[in-house]
Amino acid sequence: MNIRAPKLTPFCRRNGLRLRVGVVAIVLALAGEGTLHAQAAECPFPGQKPMLIVQLFFGQIVPNRGPVTATEWDGFLQQHVTPLFPSGLTVYDAYGQWLNPQLHAVIRQATRIIVIATDDTPEARGKIAQVSESYRRQFNQQSVGVISGTECGGF
């Protein structure tokens, strides 16, 4: 069975082309800088703009040693975090657990969480990676949990 598309009249072809060109123009406008301005306009409160929000999860148990001391944590913040994010951040204590893939065991431990709100730039992303790597090396950690997203913010 052979199904043919109906023949388009010159009017239909011309208007169909205009419609497609119009749709493409809209998509391109939204894909460019127009999207950033549209997002900023959509933030619910005056002075807000889209920002990268990152939560970093730091386990507080050092393998074969014990917990990270308050002095060690404060030193880590002063040396490795605050210089990279001097505009501000939030730190809070939590309790966490994760499945250790090597031991196949659930590990439970005190956790510190740092929340950073910053402009979403390659430089900021590099700084986040640097903080994570510094902590992993200094305290012999398998990983530092990182959750990120974009939200409206203003300070």
N, C-alpha and C. Protein backbone atom coordinates (compact mmCIF):
# COMPACT_ATOMS: atom_id res chain seq x y z
N MET A 1 0.85 -1.17 0.00
CA MET A 1 0.00 0.00 0.00
C MET A 1 0.90 1.23 0.00
N ASN A 2 0.64 2.15 -0.89
CA ASN A 2 1.42 3.35 -1.07
C ASN A 2 0.59 4.56 -0.63
N ILE A 3 1.10 5.30 0.39
CA ILE A 3 0.38 6.48 0.85
C ILE A 3 1.17 7.70 0.41
N ARG A 4 0.52 8.62 -0.23
CA ARG A 4 1.17 9.83 -0.70
C ARG A 4 0.71 11.03 0.12
N ALA A 5 1.67 11.90 0.33
CA ALA A 5 1.32 13.16 0.99
C ALA A 5 0.58 14.03 -0.01
N PRO A 6 -0.39 14.81 0.45
CA PRO A 6 -1.11 15.68 -0.47
C PRO A 6 -0.16 16.72 -1.04
N LYS A 7 -0.42 17.12 -2.27
CA LYS A 7 0.39 18.16 -2.91
C LYS A 7 0.06 19.50 -2.26
N LEU A 8 1.14 20.25 -2.02
CA LEU A 8 0.96 21.57 -1.42
C LEU A 8 0.86 22.62 -2.51
N THR A 9 -0.06 23.52 -2.33
CA THR A 9 -0.19 24.64 -3.27
C THR A 9 0.94 25.62 -2.98
N PRO A 10 1.24 26.53 -3.90
CA PRO A 10 2.28 27.53 -3.62
C PRO A 10 1.99 28.32 -2.35
N PHE A 11 0.73 28.60 -2.04
CA PHE A 11 0.37 29.33 -0.83
C PHE A 11 0.78 28.53 0.41
N CYS A 12 0.45 27.23 0.43
CA CYS A 12 0.78 26.37 1.58
C CYS A 12 2.28 26.25 1.74
N ARG A 13 3.00 26.06 0.65
CA ARG A 13 4.46 25.92 0.73
C ARG A 13 5.08 27.19 1.30
N ARG A 14 4.63 28.33 0.82
CA ARG A 14 5.18 29.61 1.26
C ARG A 14 4.89 29.82 2.76
N ASN A 15 3.67 29.63 3.18
CA ASN A 15 3.30 29.83 4.57
C ASN A 15 3.91 28.77 5.48
N GLY A 16 4.03 27.54 5.00
CA GLY A 16 4.69 26.49 5.78
C GLY A 16 6.14 26.83 6.03
N LEU A 17 6.81 27.36 5.01
CA LEU A 17 8.20 27.77 5.15
C LEU A 17 8.30 28.92 6.15
N ARG A 18 7.39 29.88 6.08
CA ARG A 18 7.40 30.99 7.03
C ARG A 18 7.22 30.48 8.46
N LEU A 19 6.33 29.54 8.64
CA LEU A 19 6.09 28.98 9.96
C LEU A 19 7.35 28.30 10.49
N ARG A 20 8.00 27.49 9.63
CA ARG A 20 9.22 26.82 10.07
C ARG A 20 10.32 27.81 10.38
N VAL A 21 10.50 28.82 9.56
CA VAL A 21 11.52 29.84 9.80
C VAL A 21 11.22 30.57 11.11
N GLY A 22 9.96 30.87 11.34
CA GLY A 22 9.57 31.54 12.59
C GLY A 22 9.87 30.69 13.81
N VAL A 23 9.56 29.41 13.75
CA VAL A 23 9.82 28.50 14.87
C VAL A 23 11.32 28.40 15.12
N VAL A 24 12.11 28.26 14.06
CA VAL A 24 13.56 28.18 14.21
C VAL A 24 14.09 29.45 14.85
N ALA A 25 13.60 30.61 14.44
CA ALA A 25 14.05 31.88 15.01
C ALA A 25 13.75 31.95 16.50
N ILE A 26 12.59 31.49 16.90
CA ILE A 26 12.22 31.50 18.33
C ILE A 26 13.13 30.57 19.11
N VAL A 27 13.36 29.37 18.61
CA VAL A 27 14.22 28.41 19.30
C VAL A 27 15.62 28.98 19.45
N LEU A 28 16.17 29.57 18.39
CA LEU A 28 17.51 30.15 18.47
C LEU A 28 17.58 31.29 19.47
N ALA A 29 16.55 32.10 19.51
CA ALA A 29 16.53 33.22 20.47
C ALA A 29 16.53 32.69 21.89
N LEU A 30 15.76 31.65 22.15
CA LEU A 30 15.70 31.08 23.49
C LEU A 30 16.98 30.36 23.86
N ALA A 31 17.68 29.81 22.90
CA ALA A 31 18.91 29.08 23.18
C ALA A 31 20.07 30.00 23.49
N GLY A 32 20.00 31.26 23.07
CA GLY A 32 21.09 32.19 23.28
C GLY A 32 20.94 32.95 24.57
N GLU A 33 21.43 34.17 24.56
CA GLU A 33 21.40 35.01 25.75
C GLU A 33 19.99 35.31 26.21
N GLY A 34 19.04 35.23 25.33
CA GLY A 34 17.66 35.50 25.70
C GLY A 34 17.19 34.59 26.81
N THR A 35 17.71 33.37 26.87
CA THR A 35 17.31 32.43 27.91
C THR A 35 17.76 32.92 29.28
N LEU A 36 19.00 33.42 29.36
CA LEU A 36 19.51 33.90 30.63
C LEU A 36 18.68 35.07 31.13
N HIS A 37 18.34 35.99 30.23
CA HIS A 37 17.51 37.12 30.64
C HIS A 37 16.11 36.67 31.03
N ALA A 38 15.59 35.68 30.32
CA ALA A 38 14.26 35.17 30.65
C ALA A 38 14.28 34.51 32.01
N GLN A 39 15.36 33.75 32.31
CA GLN A 39 15.46 33.10 33.62
C GLN A 39 15.55 34.15 34.72
N ALA A 40 16.37 35.20 34.50
CA ALA A 40 16.50 36.24 35.52
C ALA A 40 15.16 36.92 35.75
N ALA A 41 14.39 37.12 34.68
CA ALA A 41 13.08 37.75 34.82
C ALA A 41 12.10 36.84 35.55
N GLU A 42 12.35 35.53 35.52
CA GLU A 42 11.44 34.59 36.17
C GLU A 42 11.72 34.41 37.65
N CYS A 43 12.84 34.93 38.17
CA CYS A 43 13.11 34.79 39.59
C CYS A 43 12.03 35.54 40.36
N PRO A 44 11.54 34.95 41.45
CA PRO A 44 10.35 35.50 42.10
C PRO A 44 10.55 36.77 42.90
N PHE A 45 11.78 37.10 43.30
CA PHE A 45 11.98 38.28 44.14
C PHE A 45 12.94 39.25 43.47
N PRO A 46 12.77 40.54 43.70
CA PRO A 46 13.66 41.55 43.11
C PRO A 46 15.11 41.29 43.55
N GLY A 47 16.03 41.52 42.63
CA GLY A 47 17.44 41.38 42.95
C GLY A 47 17.98 39.96 42.83
N GLN A 48 17.10 39.01 42.56
CA GLN A 48 17.57 37.63 42.41
C GLN A 48 18.02 37.37 40.98
N LYS A 49 18.88 36.38 40.84
CA LYS A 49 19.34 35.93 39.53
C LYS A 49 19.62 34.43 39.63
N PRO A 50 19.67 33.74 38.51
CA PRO A 50 20.02 32.32 38.54
C PRO A 50 21.45 32.15 39.08
N MET A 51 21.60 31.23 40.01
CA MET A 51 22.91 30.96 40.62
C MET A 51 23.14 29.47 40.70
N LEU A 52 24.41 29.07 40.71
CA LEU A 52 24.79 27.69 40.94
C LEU A 52 24.75 27.45 42.45
N ILE A 53 23.96 26.47 42.87
CA ILE A 53 23.88 26.11 44.29
C ILE A 53 24.52 24.74 44.43
N VAL A 54 25.54 24.65 45.29
CA VAL A 54 26.27 23.41 45.46
C VAL A 54 26.26 23.01 46.92
N GLN A 55 25.99 21.74 47.18
CA GLN A 55 26.11 21.16 48.51
C GLN A 55 27.23 20.14 48.45
N LEU A 56 28.20 20.27 49.36
CA LEU A 56 29.31 19.31 49.45
C LEU A 56 29.18 18.56 50.77
N PHE A 57 29.31 17.25 50.72
CA PHE A 57 29.13 16.39 51.89
C PHE A 57 30.48 15.80 52.29
N PHE A 58 30.96 16.15 53.50
CA PHE A 58 32.28 15.75 53.98
C PHE A 58 32.13 14.78 55.15
N GLY A 59 32.48 13.52 54.92
CA GLY A 59 32.50 12.54 56.01
C GLY A 59 33.54 12.95 57.03
N GLN A 60 33.25 12.71 58.30
CA GLN A 60 34.13 13.18 59.36
C GLN A 60 35.01 12.10 59.98
N ILE A 61 34.97 10.88 59.45
CA ILE A 61 35.81 9.81 59.98
C ILE A 61 37.00 9.61 59.04
N VAL A 62 38.20 9.72 59.59
CA VAL A 62 39.43 9.47 58.83
C VAL A 62 39.76 7.99 59.00
N PRO A 63 39.89 7.24 57.90
CA PRO A 63 40.19 5.81 58.00
C PRO A 63 41.44 5.53 58.85
N ASN A 64 41.31 4.54 59.70
CA ASN A 64 42.40 4.08 60.58
C ASN A 64 42.90 5.15 61.55
N ARG A 65 42.04 6.12 61.86
CA ARG A 65 42.46 7.17 62.77
C ARG A 65 41.37 7.66 63.69
N GLY A 66 40.20 7.98 63.15
CA GLY A 66 39.12 8.54 63.96
C GLY A 66 38.59 9.80 63.32
N PRO A 67 37.85 10.59 64.10
CA PRO A 67 37.17 11.76 63.51
C PRO A 67 38.12 12.92 63.18
N VAL A 68 37.67 13.73 62.22
CA VAL A 68 38.32 15.01 61.92
C VAL A 68 38.07 15.90 63.13
N THR A 69 39.13 16.48 63.68
CA THR A 69 38.96 17.33 64.87
C THR A 69 38.40 18.70 64.46
N ALA A 70 37.88 19.41 65.43
CA ALA A 70 37.36 20.76 65.18
C ALA A 70 38.47 21.67 64.66
N THR A 71 39.68 21.51 65.19
CA THR A 71 40.81 22.32 64.74
C THR A 71 41.16 21.99 63.29
N GLU A 72 41.16 20.70 62.93
CA GLU A 72 41.45 20.30 61.55
C GLU A 72 40.39 20.85 60.60
N TRP A 73 39.11 20.76 61.00
CA TRP A 73 38.03 21.25 60.14
C TRP A 73 38.15 22.75 59.93
N ASP A 74 38.37 23.49 61.02
CA ASP A 74 38.51 24.94 60.91
C ASP A 74 39.70 25.30 60.01
N GLY A 75 40.80 24.56 60.15
CA GLY A 75 41.97 24.80 59.30
C GLY A 75 41.66 24.53 57.84
N PHE A 76 40.92 23.45 57.57
CA PHE A 76 40.53 23.14 56.19
C PHE A 76 39.69 24.26 55.61
N LEU A 77 38.71 24.74 56.36
CA LEU A 77 37.88 25.84 55.88
C LEU A 77 38.72 27.09 55.58
N GLN A 78 39.61 27.43 56.51
CA GLN A 78 40.41 28.64 56.36
C GLN A 78 41.40 28.55 55.20
N GLN A 79 41.97 27.36 54.98
CA GLN A 79 43.01 27.22 53.96
C GLN A 79 42.47 26.86 52.58
N HIS A 80 41.41 26.05 52.52
CA HIS A 80 40.99 25.48 51.24
C HIS A 80 39.62 25.93 50.73
N VAL A 81 38.79 26.50 51.58
CA VAL A 81 37.44 26.85 51.15
C VAL A 81 37.24 28.37 51.11
N THR A 82 37.45 29.02 52.24
CA THR A 82 37.20 30.46 52.33
C THR A 82 37.98 31.27 51.30
N PRO A 83 39.26 30.96 51.04
CA PRO A 83 39.97 31.74 50.01
C PRO A 83 39.35 31.60 48.61
N LEU A 84 38.73 30.47 48.33
CA LEU A 84 38.12 30.26 47.02
C LEU A 84 36.72 30.85 46.92
N PHE A 85 36.03 30.96 48.06
CA PHE A 85 34.66 31.48 48.09
C PHE A 85 34.52 32.53 49.20
N PRO A 86 35.24 33.66 49.05
CA PRO A 86 35.22 34.67 50.10
C PRO A 86 33.88 35.38 50.25
N SER A 87 33.01 35.29 49.24
CA SER A 87 31.71 35.97 49.32
C SER A 87 30.78 35.33 50.34
N GLY A 88 31.05 34.09 50.70
CA GLY A 88 30.25 33.45 51.73
C GLY A 88 29.86 32.03 51.41
N LEU A 89 29.47 31.32 52.44
CA LEU A 89 29.03 29.93 52.36
C LEU A 89 28.35 29.59 53.68
N THR A 90 27.72 28.44 53.72
CA THR A 90 27.06 27.97 54.93
C THR A 90 27.58 26.58 55.25
N VAL A 91 27.85 26.33 56.52
CA VAL A 91 28.31 25.01 56.98
C VAL A 91 27.35 24.53 58.05
N TYR A 92 26.95 23.28 57.95
CA TYR A 92 26.17 22.70 59.04
C TYR A 92 26.51 21.24 59.24
N ASP A 93 26.24 20.77 60.47
CA ASP A 93 26.51 19.39 60.85
C ASP A 93 25.33 18.52 60.48
N ALA A 94 25.63 17.31 60.11
CA ALA A 94 24.58 16.35 59.74
C ALA A 94 25.05 14.95 60.10
N TYR A 95 24.20 14.00 59.85
CA TYR A 95 24.52 12.59 60.02
C TYR A 95 24.30 11.94 58.66
N GLY A 96 25.24 11.13 58.22
CA GLY A 96 25.09 10.51 56.90
C GLY A 96 25.44 9.04 56.92
N GLN A 97 25.04 8.39 55.85
CA GLN A 97 25.44 7.00 55.66
C GLN A 97 25.55 6.73 54.17
N TRP A 98 26.40 5.79 53.82
CA TRP A 98 26.62 5.43 52.43
C TRP A 98 27.08 3.99 52.36
N LEU A 99 26.91 3.39 51.20
CA LEU A 99 27.31 2.00 50.99
C LEU A 99 28.73 1.98 50.45
N ASN A 100 29.65 1.42 51.24
CA ASN A 100 31.02 1.27 50.81
C ASN A 100 31.06 0.12 49.80
N PRO A 101 31.39 0.41 48.52
CA PRO A 101 31.34 -0.63 47.50
C PRO A 101 32.41 -1.70 47.68
N GLN A 102 33.51 -1.38 48.35
CA GLN A 102 34.57 -2.37 48.56
C GLN A 102 34.22 -3.33 49.69
N LEU A 103 33.64 -2.79 50.75
CA LEU A 103 33.29 -3.61 51.91
C LEU A 103 31.88 -4.18 51.84
N HIS A 104 31.07 -3.63 50.93
CA HIS A 104 29.64 -3.99 50.84
C HIS A 104 28.96 -3.81 52.19
N ALA A 105 29.32 -2.70 52.84
CA ALA A 105 28.77 -2.41 54.16
C ALA A 105 28.31 -0.96 54.20
N VAL A 106 27.27 -0.70 54.98
CA VAL A 106 26.78 0.66 55.17
C VAL A 106 27.66 1.33 56.22
N ILE A 107 28.21 2.47 55.85
CA ILE A 107 29.06 3.25 56.74
C ILE A 107 28.24 4.43 57.24
N ARG A 108 28.19 4.60 58.55
CA ARG A 108 27.45 5.70 59.16
C ARG A 108 28.45 6.61 59.87
N GLN A 109 28.27 7.91 59.69
CA GLN A 109 29.22 8.82 60.33
C GLN A 109 28.68 10.25 60.38
N ALA A 110 29.28 11.02 61.26
CA ALA A 110 28.99 12.45 61.29
C ALA A 110 29.46 13.03 59.96
N THR A 111 28.75 14.05 59.51
CA THR A 111 29.03 14.67 58.22
C THR A 111 28.93 16.18 58.37
N ARG A 112 29.76 16.89 57.64
CA ARG A 112 29.62 18.33 57.56
C ARG A 112 29.21 18.65 56.14
N ILE A 113 28.29 19.59 55.99
CA ILE A 113 27.80 19.99 54.68
C ILE A 113 28.12 21.47 54.49
N ILE A 114 28.71 21.77 53.33
CA ILE A 114 28.95 23.16 52.95
C ILE A 114 28.00 23.47 51.80
N VAL A 115 27.29 24.60 51.91
CA VAL A 115 26.42 25.06 50.83
C VAL A 115 27.02 26.35 50.28
N ILE A 116 27.20 26.38 48.96
CA ILE A 116 27.78 27.53 48.29
C ILE A 116 26.82 27.98 47.19
N ALA A 117 26.52 29.26 47.15
CA ALA A 117 25.72 29.86 46.07
C ALA A 117 26.64 30.83 45.35
N THR A 118 26.82 30.60 44.05
CA THR A 118 27.77 31.41 43.29
C THR A 118 27.33 31.53 41.84
N ASP A 119 27.96 32.42 41.11
CA ASP A 119 27.71 32.49 39.67
C ASP A 119 28.18 31.18 39.05
N ASP A 120 27.45 30.70 38.07
CA ASP A 120 27.79 29.44 37.41
C ASP A 120 28.80 29.72 36.29
N THR A 121 30.08 29.60 36.65
CA THR A 121 31.15 29.82 35.69
C THR A 121 32.09 28.62 35.70
N PRO A 122 32.87 28.43 34.64
CA PRO A 122 33.86 27.36 34.66
C PRO A 122 34.84 27.51 35.83
N GLU A 123 35.18 28.75 36.17
CA GLU A 123 36.08 28.98 37.30
C GLU A 123 35.46 28.50 38.62
N ALA A 124 34.18 28.80 38.85
CA ALA A 124 33.51 28.36 40.07
C ALA A 124 33.44 26.83 40.12
N ARG A 125 33.14 26.20 39.00
CA ARG A 125 33.09 24.73 38.97
C ARG A 125 34.46 24.13 39.28
N GLY A 126 35.51 24.76 38.77
CA GLY A 126 36.86 24.28 39.07
C GLY A 126 37.20 24.41 40.54
N LYS A 127 36.74 25.50 41.15
CA LYS A 127 36.99 25.71 42.58
C LYS A 127 36.26 24.65 43.42
N ILE A 128 35.04 24.31 43.03
CA ILE A 128 34.30 23.26 43.75
C ILE A 128 35.08 21.95 43.68
N ALA A 129 35.55 21.60 42.48
CA ALA A 129 36.33 20.37 42.32
C ALA A 129 37.60 20.42 43.16
N GLN A 130 38.22 21.58 43.23
CA GLN A 130 39.44 21.75 44.02
C GLN A 130 39.18 21.52 45.51
N VAL A 131 38.08 22.06 46.03
CA VAL A 131 37.73 21.86 47.44
C VAL A 131 37.52 20.37 47.71
N SER A 132 36.78 19.71 46.85
CA SER A 132 36.50 18.28 47.01
C SER A 132 37.80 17.47 47.01
N GLU A 133 38.65 17.73 46.05
CA GLU A 133 39.91 16.99 45.94
C GLU A 133 40.83 17.25 47.13
N SER A 134 40.88 18.50 47.60
CA SER A 134 41.72 18.84 48.76
C SER A 134 41.29 18.06 50.00
N TYR A 135 39.97 17.98 50.21
CA TYR A 135 39.47 17.25 51.38
C TYR A 135 39.77 15.76 51.26
N ARG A 136 39.54 15.21 50.09
CA ARG A 136 39.79 13.78 49.88
C ARG A 136 41.25 13.45 50.18
N ARG A 137 42.17 14.27 49.71
CA ARG A 137 43.60 14.01 49.94
C ARG A 137 43.97 14.21 51.41
N GLN A 138 43.54 15.32 51.98
CA GLN A 138 43.96 15.65 53.35
C GLN A 138 43.43 14.65 54.38
N PHE A 139 42.20 14.14 54.16
CA PHE A 139 41.60 13.28 55.17
C PHE A 139 41.37 11.85 54.67
N ASN A 140 42.07 11.47 53.60
CA ASN A 140 42.05 10.09 53.10
C ASN A 140 40.62 9.57 52.89
N GLN A 141 39.83 10.36 52.16
CA GLN A 141 38.43 10.00 51.92
C GLN A 141 38.28 9.38 50.53
N GLN A 142 37.36 8.42 50.39
CA GLN A 142 37.08 7.84 49.08
C GLN A 142 36.36 8.84 48.20
N SER A 143 35.52 9.67 48.80
CA SER A 143 34.77 10.63 48.00
C SER A 143 34.26 11.77 48.88
N VAL A 144 33.85 12.82 48.20
CA VAL A 144 33.10 13.92 48.80
C VAL A 144 31.83 14.02 47.96
N GLY A 145 30.68 13.94 48.60
CA GLY A 145 29.44 14.03 47.86
C GLY A 145 29.22 15.45 47.37
N VAL A 146 28.75 15.59 46.14
CA VAL A 146 28.46 16.90 45.57
C VAL A 146 27.10 16.87 44.91
N ILE A 147 26.21 17.75 45.33
CA ILE A 147 24.91 17.93 44.70
C ILE A 147 24.86 19.36 44.20
N SER A 148 24.41 19.54 42.96
CA SER A 148 24.38 20.90 42.43
C SER A 148 23.13 21.12 41.59
N GLY A 149 22.80 22.38 41.43
CA GLY A 149 21.66 22.76 40.61
C GLY A 149 21.65 24.27 40.47
N THR A 150 20.72 24.76 39.68
CA THR A 150 20.59 26.20 39.51
C THR A 150 19.27 26.66 40.13
N GLU A 151 19.36 27.68 40.96
CA GLU A 151 18.20 28.25 41.62
C GLU A 151 18.33 29.77 41.59
N CYS A 152 17.25 30.44 41.89
CA CYS A 152 17.29 31.89 42.01
C CYS A 152 17.88 32.26 43.36
N GLY A 153 18.72 33.29 43.37
CA GLY A 153 19.31 33.73 44.63
C GLY A 153 19.69 35.18 44.56
N GLY A 154 19.80 35.77 45.70
CA GLY A 154 20.27 37.15 45.83
C GLY A 154 20.73 37.40 47.25
N PHE A 155 21.79 38.14 47.38
CA PHE A 155 22.35 38.41 48.71
C PHE A 155 22.66 39.88 48.85
